[in-house]
Amino acid sequence: MPQPTTRSVSADAVFLTALENGHAVRTACRMAGYAPRSVYRWRGGDAEFAFRWATAVDMAGDLLEGEADRRGRDGYDVPVFHRGEVCGSKRMYANGLLLARLKAIRPAQYRESRAVAAAVAPPAHAVTVNLRDFALEDLVRRLMRGEAVDRTTLPLRIQRLIDQPDSEAGH
């Protein structure tokens, strides 16, 4: 069983600063020398620590949101290589980040609509649906005109229908 983590003011500062900078809890724990289980326990039992944690995560949200906006709006440079050497750069844009931001800022225009299906009563009588097999209709039409039909040009499902013995054809 692992030893319990000893908490200190300086390690708390490292942990919270890492959270403020957008690091995951596990990474922030590793930087501070804390066990993740311990920090979650402290957050549940120490209101001040929980408040500081929430504030750090909120600050990280602003930081990461700004970076997402920058990458979507202004783009970022990616090196271009030729024969193992950097020969220039190419401007890339994070289209997914930009779209996510637009969905958050202007949901009416950019979010996918989620239509809620109204409760539909089942029909009072049976409904018959006729499905048409256009390939089979075309085959019958050609045979009725007396045209020669090359079996290899027929869809496999129709070849199988032709190959079925009479006893199975009706099923």
C-alpha atoms as a PDB file:
ATOM      1  CA  MET A   1       0.000   0.000   0.000  1.00  0.00           C
ATOM      2  CA  PRO A   2       1.494   3.401  -0.979  1.00  0.00           C
ATOM      3  CA  GLN A   3       2.496   5.840   1.693  1.00  0.00           C
ATOM      4  CA  PRO A   4       0.098   8.769   2.181  1.00  0.00           C
ATOM      5  CA  THR A   5       1.189  11.999   0.508  1.00  0.00           C
ATOM      6  CA  THR A   6       2.478  14.721   2.814  1.00  0.00           C
ATOM      7  CA  ARG A   7       0.941  18.055   1.982  1.00  0.00           C
ATOM      8  CA  SER A   8       2.854  21.341   1.993  1.00  0.00           C
ATOM      9  CA  VAL A   9       2.173  24.951   1.062  1.00  0.00           C
ATOM     10  CA  SER A  10       4.892  24.950  -1.604  1.00  0.00           C
ATOM     11  CA  ALA A  11       3.674  21.677  -3.170  1.00  0.00           C
ATOM     12  CA  ASP A  12       0.100  23.022  -3.121  1.00  0.00           C
ATOM     13  CA  ALA A  13       1.350  26.070  -5.051  1.00  0.00           C
ATOM     14  CA  VAL A  14       3.046  23.851  -7.646  1.00  0.00           C
ATOM     15  CA  PHE A  15      -0.074  21.703  -8.001  1.00  0.00           C
ATOM     16  CA  LEU A  16      -2.453  24.669  -8.360  1.00  0.00           C
ATOM     17  CA  THR A  17      -0.123  26.513 -10.758  1.00  0.00           C
ATOM     18  CA  ALA A  18       0.020  23.427 -12.963  1.00  0.00           C
ATOM     19  CA  LEU A  19      -3.789  23.293 -12.984  1.00  0.00           C
ATOM     20  CA  GLU A  20      -3.933  27.017 -13.844  1.00  0.00           C
ATOM     21  CA  ASN A  21      -1.672  26.349 -16.823  1.00  0.00           C
ATOM     22  CA  GLY A  22      -4.039  23.742 -18.212  1.00  0.00           C
ATOM     23  CA  HIS A  23      -2.333  20.551 -17.074  1.00  0.00           C
ATOM     24  CA  ALA A  24      -4.365  17.481 -16.188  1.00  0.00           C
ATOM     25  CA  VAL A  25      -4.770  16.596 -12.499  1.00  0.00           C
ATOM     26  CA  ARG A  26      -2.492  13.556 -12.855  1.00  0.00           C
ATOM     27  CA  THR A  27       0.269  15.708 -14.399  1.00  0.00           C
ATOM     28  CA  ALA A  28      -0.161  18.414 -11.757  1.00  0.00           C
ATOM     29  CA  CYS A  29       0.119  15.724  -9.054  1.00  0.00           C
ATOM     30  CA  ARG A  30       3.312  14.376 -10.567  1.00  0.00           C
ATOM     31  CA  MET A  31       4.793  17.900 -10.680  1.00  0.00           C
ATOM     32  CA  ALA A  32       3.888  18.541  -7.026  1.00  0.00           C
ATOM     33  CA  GLY A  33       4.822  15.084  -5.770  1.00  0.00           C
ATOM     34  CA  TYR A  34       1.242  14.322  -4.751  1.00  0.00           C
ATOM     35  CA  ALA A  35      -0.791  11.170  -5.205  1.00  0.00           C
ATOM     36  CA  PRO A  36      -4.011  11.807  -7.168  1.00  0.00           C
ATOM     37  CA  ARG A  37      -6.065   9.965  -4.554  1.00  0.00           C
ATOM     38  CA  SER A  38      -4.767  12.361  -1.891  1.00  0.00           C
ATOM     39  CA  VAL A  39      -5.604  15.568  -3.745  1.00  0.00           C
ATOM     40  CA  TYR A  40      -9.146  14.402  -4.399  1.00  0.00           C
ATOM     41  CA  ARG A  41      -9.516  13.539  -0.725  1.00  0.00           C
ATOM     42  CA  TRP A  42      -8.174  16.972   0.287  1.00  0.00           C
ATOM     43  CA  ARG A  43     -10.514  18.690  -2.153  1.00  0.00           C
ATOM     44  CA  GLY A  44     -13.478  16.872  -0.567  1.00  0.00           C
ATOM     45  CA  GLY A  45     -12.440  17.755   2.992  1.00  0.00           C
ATOM     46  CA  ASP A  46     -10.894  21.221   2.670  1.00  0.00           C
ATOM     47  CA  ALA A  47     -13.230  23.954   1.367  1.00  0.00           C
ATOM     48  CA  GLU A  48     -10.393  26.444   0.813  1.00  0.00           C
ATOM     49  CA  PHE A  49      -8.359  23.916  -1.205  1.00  0.00           C
ATOM     50  CA  ALA A  50     -11.497  23.019  -3.203  1.00  0.00           C
ATOM     51  CA  PHE A  51     -12.105  26.727  -3.937  1.00  0.00           C
ATOM     52  CA  ARG A  52      -8.486  27.281  -5.021  1.00  0.00           C
ATOM     53  CA  TRP A  53      -8.682  24.153  -7.226  1.00  0.00           C
ATOM     54  CA  ALA A  54     -11.929  25.383  -8.882  1.00  0.00           C
ATOM     55  CA  THR A  55     -10.394  28.815  -9.438  1.00  0.00           C
ATOM     56  CA  ALA A  56      -7.287  27.264 -11.011  1.00  0.00           C
ATOM     57  CA  VAL A  57      -9.409  25.136 -13.352  1.00  0.00           C
ATOM     58  CA  ASP A  58     -11.480  28.190 -14.308  1.00  0.00           C
ATOM     59  CA  MET A  59      -8.284  30.126 -15.108  1.00  0.00           C
ATOM     60  CA  ALA A  60      -7.072  27.182 -17.187  1.00  0.00           C
ATOM     61  CA  GLY A  61     -10.343  27.248 -19.098  1.00  0.00           C
ATOM     62  CA  ASP A  62      -9.759  30.903 -20.031  1.00  0.00           C
ATOM     63  CA  LEU A  63      -6.157  30.162 -21.021  1.00  0.00           C
ATOM     64  CA  LEU A  64      -7.038  27.141 -23.139  1.00  0.00           C
ATOM     65  CA  GLU A  65     -10.024  28.889 -24.691  1.00  0.00           C
ATOM     66  CA  GLY A  66      -7.767  31.752 -25.758  1.00  0.00           C
ATOM     67  CA  GLU A  67      -5.270  29.319 -27.267  1.00  0.00           C
ATOM     68  CA  ALA A  68      -8.038  27.499 -29.131  1.00  0.00           C
ATOM     69  CA  ASP A  69      -9.285  30.834 -30.490  1.00  0.00           C
ATOM     70  CA  ARG A  70      -5.779  31.797 -31.596  1.00  0.00           C
ATOM     71  CA  ARG A  71      -5.145  28.477 -33.354  1.00  0.00           C
ATOM     72  CA  GLY A  72      -8.501  28.620 -35.110  1.00  0.00           C
ATOM     73  CA  ARG A  73      -8.361  32.295 -36.038  1.00  0.00           C
ATOM     74  CA  ASP A  74      -4.663  33.057 -36.571  1.00  0.00           C
ATOM     75  CA  GLY A  75      -3.307  29.580 -37.213  1.00  0.00           C
ATOM     76  CA  TYR A  76       0.109  28.228 -36.358  1.00  0.00           C
ATOM     77  CA  ASP A  77       3.265  27.408 -38.311  1.00  0.00           C
ATOM     78  CA  VAL A  78       4.352  23.844 -38.980  1.00  0.00           C
ATOM     79  CA  PRO A  79       7.838  23.179 -40.371  1.00  0.00           C
ATOM     80  CA  VAL A  80       8.108  21.762 -43.887  1.00  0.00           C
ATOM     81  CA  PHE A  81      10.926  19.308 -44.553  1.00  0.00           C
ATOM     82  CA  HIS A  82      12.726  18.438 -47.771  1.00  0.00           C
ATOM     83  CA  ARG A  83      15.280  15.640 -47.684  1.00  0.00           C
ATOM     84  CA  GLY A  84      15.423  15.787 -43.910  1.00  0.00           C
ATOM     85  CA  GLU A  85      16.075  19.544 -43.768  1.00  0.00           C
ATOM     86  CA  VAL A  86      13.659  22.287 -42.764  1.00  0.00           C
ATOM     87  CA  CYS A  87      13.002  24.274 -45.924  1.00  0.00           C
ATOM     88  CA  GLY A  88      10.181  26.497 -44.741  1.00  0.00           C
ATOM     89  CA  SER A  89       6.909  26.468 -42.891  1.00  0.00           C
ATOM     90  CA  LYS A  90       3.263  26.027 -43.642  1.00  0.00           C
ATOM     91  CA  ARG A  91       0.408  27.890 -41.954  1.00  0.00           C
ATOM     92  CA  MET A  92      -2.152  25.520 -40.412  1.00  0.00           C
ATOM     93  CA  TYR A  93      -5.500  26.357 -38.872  1.00  0.00           C
ATOM     94  CA  ALA A  94      -7.369  24.348 -36.257  1.00  0.00           C
ATOM     95  CA  ASN A  95     -10.717  24.197 -38.012  1.00  0.00           C
ATOM     96  CA  GLY A  96     -12.197  21.865 -35.406  1.00  0.00           C
ATOM     97  CA  LEU A  97     -11.299  24.266 -32.593  1.00  0.00           C
ATOM     98  CA  LEU A  98     -12.762  27.181 -34.517  1.00  0.00           C
ATOM     99  CA  LEU A  99     -15.993  25.297 -35.148  1.00  0.00           C
ATOM    100  CA  ALA A 100     -16.218  24.251 -31.485  1.00  0.00           C
ATOM    101  CA  ARG A 101     -15.806  27.896 -30.486  1.00  0.00           C
ATOM    102  CA  LEU A 102     -18.488  29.034 -32.930  1.00  0.00           C
ATOM    103  CA  LYS A 103     -20.850  26.386 -31.566  1.00  0.00           C
ATOM    104  CA  ALA A 104     -20.253  27.734 -28.059  1.00  0.00           C
ATOM    105  CA  ILE A 105     -20.595  31.423 -28.983  1.00  0.00           C
ATOM    106  CA  ARG A 106     -23.391  31.136 -31.557  1.00  0.00           C
ATOM    107  CA  PRO A 107     -25.248  27.928 -30.829  1.00  0.00           C
ATOM    108  CA  ALA A 108     -28.318  28.840 -32.874  1.00  0.00           C
ATOM    109  CA  GLN A 109     -26.244  29.067 -36.059  1.00  0.00           C
ATOM    110  CA  TYR A 110     -23.588  26.401 -35.546  1.00  0.00           C
ATOM    111  CA  ARG A 111     -24.812  23.641 -33.251  1.00  0.00           C
ATOM    112  CA  GLU A 112     -26.321  20.560 -34.799  1.00  0.00           C
ATOM    113  CA  SER A 113     -30.028  20.635 -34.218  1.00  0.00           C
ATOM    114  CA  ARG A 114     -31.317  17.835 -32.105  1.00  0.00           C
ATOM    115  CA  ALA A 115     -34.937  17.403 -33.094  1.00  0.00           C
ATOM    116  CA  VAL A 116     -36.844  15.543 -30.444  1.00  0.00           C
ATOM    117  CA  ALA A 117     -39.171  13.039 -32.029  1.00  0.00           C
ATOM    118  CA  ALA A 118     -42.732  13.518 -30.920  1.00  0.00           C
ATOM    119  CA  ALA A 119     -44.533  10.480 -29.676  1.00  0.00           C
ATOM    120  CA  VAL A 120     -46.252   9.010 -32.701  1.00  0.00           C
ATOM    121  CA  ALA A 121     -49.215   6.728 -32.194  1.00  0.00           C
ATOM    122  CA  PRO A 122     -48.982   3.450 -34.079  1.00  0.00           C
ATOM    123  CA  PRO A 123     -51.242   3.305 -37.121  1.00  0.00           C
ATOM    124  CA  ALA A 124     -54.735   2.013 -36.485  1.00  0.00           C
ATOM    125  CA  HIS A 125     -54.456  -0.404 -39.401  1.00  0.00           C
ATOM    126  CA  ALA A 126     -51.694  -2.398 -41.044  1.00  0.00           C
ATOM    127  CA  VAL A 127     -49.505  -0.565 -43.507  1.00  0.00           C
ATOM    128  CA  THR A 128     -48.252  -2.280 -46.645  1.00  0.00           C
ATOM    129  CA  VAL A 129     -44.947  -1.135 -48.097  1.00  0.00           C
ATOM    130  CA  ASN A 130     -44.022  -2.247 -51.595  1.00  0.00           C
ATOM    131  CA  LEU A 131     -40.307  -2.371 -52.281  1.00  0.00           C
ATOM    132  CA  ARG A 132     -39.156  -2.402 -55.881  1.00  0.00           C
ATOM    133  CA  ASP A 133     -36.184  -4.402 -57.111  1.00  0.00           C
ATOM    134  CA  PHE A 134     -35.215  -2.390 -60.186  1.00  0.00           C
ATOM    135  CA  ALA A 135     -32.470  -4.816 -61.227  1.00  0.00           C
ATOM    136  CA  LEU A 136     -34.920  -7.725 -61.186  1.00  0.00           C
ATOM    137  CA  GLU A 137     -37.537  -5.686 -63.076  1.00  0.00           C
ATOM    138  CA  ASP A 138     -34.923  -4.837 -65.715  1.00  0.00           C
ATOM    139  CA  LEU A 139     -33.976  -8.513 -66.057  1.00  0.00           C
ATOM    140  CA  VAL A 140     -37.613  -9.553 -66.544  1.00  0.00           C
ATOM    141  CA  ARG A 141     -38.143  -6.760 -69.095  1.00  0.00           C
ATOM    142  CA  ARG A 142     -35.063  -7.871 -71.069  1.00  0.00           C
ATOM    143  CA  LEU A 143     -36.117 -11.532 -70.995  1.00  0.00           C
ATOM    144  CA  MET A 144     -39.642 -10.642 -72.152  1.00  0.00           C
ATOM    145  CA  ARG A 145     -38.167  -8.781 -75.130  1.00  0.00           C
ATOM    146  CA  GLY A 146     -36.203 -11.928 -75.972  1.00  0.00           C
ATOM    147  CA  GLU A 147     -32.787 -10.434 -75.257  1.00  0.00           C
ATOM    148  CA  ALA A 148     -29.911 -12.699 -74.354  1.00  0.00           C
ATOM    149  CA  VAL A 149     -28.742 -12.105 -70.799  1.00  0.00           C
ATOM    150  CA  ASP A 150     -25.173 -12.732 -69.665  1.00  0.00           C
ATOM    151  CA  ARG A 151     -25.390 -14.220 -66.160  1.00  0.00           C
ATOM    152  CA  THR A 152     -22.082 -12.662 -65.145  1.00  0.00           C
ATOM    153  CA  THR A 153     -23.558  -9.164 -65.549  1.00  0.00           C
ATOM    154  CA  LEU A 154     -26.382  -9.891 -63.125  1.00  0.00           C
ATOM    155  CA  PRO A 155     -26.132  -8.880 -59.465  1.00  0.00           C
ATOM    156  CA  LEU A 156     -25.138 -11.814 -57.258  1.00  0.00           C
ATOM    157  CA  ARG A 157     -28.465 -11.756 -55.382  1.00  0.00           C
ATOM    158  CA  ILE A 158     -30.322 -12.299 -58.673  1.00  0.00           C
ATOM    159  CA  GLN A 159     -27.929 -15.078 -59.711  1.00  0.00           C
ATOM    160  CA  ARG A 160     -28.744 -16.789 -56.425  1.00  0.00           C
ATOM    161  CA  LEU A 161     -32.499 -16.444 -57.086  1.00  0.00           C
ATOM    162  CA  ILE A 162     -32.072 -18.101 -60.484  1.00  0.00           C
ATOM    163  CA  ASP A 163     -29.990 -20.935 -58.985  1.00  0.00           C
ATOM    164  CA  GLN A 164     -32.534 -21.745 -56.260  1.00  0.00           C
ATOM    165  CA  PRO A 165     -34.499 -24.975 -56.748  1.00  0.00           C
ATOM    166  CA  ASP A 166     -38.252 -24.505 -57.285  1.00  0.00           C
ATOM    167  CA  SER A 167     -39.010 -25.645 -53.744  1.00  0.00           C
ATOM    168  CA  GLU A 168     -37.025 -22.764 -52.258  1.00  0.00           C
ATOM    169  CA  ALA A 169     -37.996 -20.091 -54.760  1.00  0.00           C
ATOM    170  CA  GLY A 170     -41.295 -19.390 -53.066  1.00  0.00           C
ATOM    171  CA  HIS A 171     -39.685 -18.792 -49.657  1.00  0.00           C
END
